[in-house]
Protein backbone atom coordinates (compact mmCIF):
# COMPACT_ATOMS: atom_id res chain seq x y z
CA MET A 1 90.73 74.82 116.18
CA GLU A 2 91.68 77.51 119.04
CA ASP A 3 92.13 80.26 116.53
CA ILE A 4 88.55 79.14 114.94
CA ARG A 5 86.94 79.25 118.49
CA MET A 6 88.58 82.55 119.24
CA ALA A 7 87.00 84.22 115.98
CA LYS A 8 83.91 83.12 116.47
CA GLU A 9 84.00 84.45 120.09
CA LEU A 10 84.89 87.81 118.57
CA GLY A 11 82.06 87.33 116.01
CA MET A 12 83.55 87.23 113.10
CA SER A 13 82.68 85.34 109.89
CA PRO A 14 84.55 83.36 107.57
CA LYS A 15 84.36 85.91 104.92
CA SER A 16 85.34 88.41 107.16
CA LEU A 17 88.48 86.40 107.87
CA LEU A 18 89.37 86.08 103.85
CA LYS A 19 89.02 89.52 103.65
CA ASN A 20 91.97 90.26 105.99
CA VAL A 21 94.36 87.60 104.78
CA PRO A 22 97.61 90.29 104.04
CA THR A 23 98.30 90.59 100.61
CA PRO A 24 102.32 90.52 100.07
CA SER A 25 102.31 94.48 99.79
CA GLN A 26 100.64 94.67 102.97
CA ARG A 27 103.87 93.40 105.06
CA TRP A 28 102.65 95.55 108.31
CA LYS A 29 99.85 93.43 108.42
CA LEU A 30 99.71 90.48 110.94
CA PRO A 31 98.37 86.78 109.50
CA VAL A 32 94.60 86.03 110.48
CA LYS A 33 96.03 83.73 112.97
CA LEU A 34 97.97 85.80 115.10
CA TRP A 35 95.53 89.18 114.33
CA ILE A 36 92.58 86.95 115.59
CA ARG A 37 94.84 85.84 118.73
CA GLU A 38 95.90 90.10 119.54
CA LEU A 39 92.26 91.15 118.91
CA HIS A 40 91.08 88.23 121.59
CA GLU A 41 93.58 88.86 124.13
CA LYS A 42 92.44 92.84 124.01
CA ARG A 43 88.51 92.03 124.06
CA PHE A 44 88.82 88.92 126.23
CA GLY A 45 91.86 89.94 128.15
CA LYS A 46 93.23 86.27 128.09
CA LYS A 47 96.40 85.45 126.31
CA ALA A 48 96.10 82.48 124.18
CA SER A 49 98.82 79.68 124.89
CA ASN A 50 102.09 80.14 122.89
CA HIS A 51 102.75 78.72 119.64
CA PRO A 52 106.19 78.53 118.17
CA ASP A 53 104.89 80.51 115.16
CA GLU A 54 103.78 83.66 117.07
CA VAL A 55 105.89 86.98 116.52
CA PRO A 56 107.46 88.15 119.87
CA ASN A 57 106.70 92.09 120.59
CA HIS A 58 110.17 92.98 120.13
CA ILE A 59 110.18 91.40 116.21
CA ARG A 60 106.90 93.02 115.15
CA GLU A 61 108.55 96.34 116.53
CA GLN A 62 111.29 96.26 114.43
CA ASN A 63 109.01 95.22 111.66
CA LEU A 64 107.42 98.49 112.14
CA GLU A 65 110.35 100.50 112.39
CA ARG A 66 111.60 99.02 108.99
CA ASP A 67 108.40 99.90 107.00
CA SER A 68 107.70 102.84 108.24
CA ALA A 69 111.72 103.76 107.25
CA LEU A 70 111.20 102.41 104.23
CA SER A 71 108.08 104.38 103.41
CA SER A 72 109.48 107.54 104.28
CA SER A 73 113.00 106.77 102.29
CA ILE A 74 113.52 107.38 98.44
CA ILE A 75 114.01 104.14 96.60
CA GLU A 76 116.70 104.29 94.12
CA ASP A 77 115.94 102.15 90.89
CA GLU A 78 118.69 99.83 91.48
CA GLN A 79 116.90 98.82 94.90
CA PHE A 80 114.04 97.30 92.72
CA PRO A 81 113.42 93.72 92.41
CA PHE A 82 112.50 93.95 88.68
């Protein structure tokens, strides 16, 4: 309920939320629930209560570093899962 309230305060519609659900190829995107919380905090300066499924900043930074390293490196044939 808290996430829905925050999305409404940001002026988002259900359609905009569905359009922002990350696909498996968009590993850099946060899940919609966390994305809404981050946007709400930036706009209103209020931090939502911590939930156990929230991604800590140091893990998010590690994921960004890993993803940028993967995109800049050459992928060998044996690294493909298929």
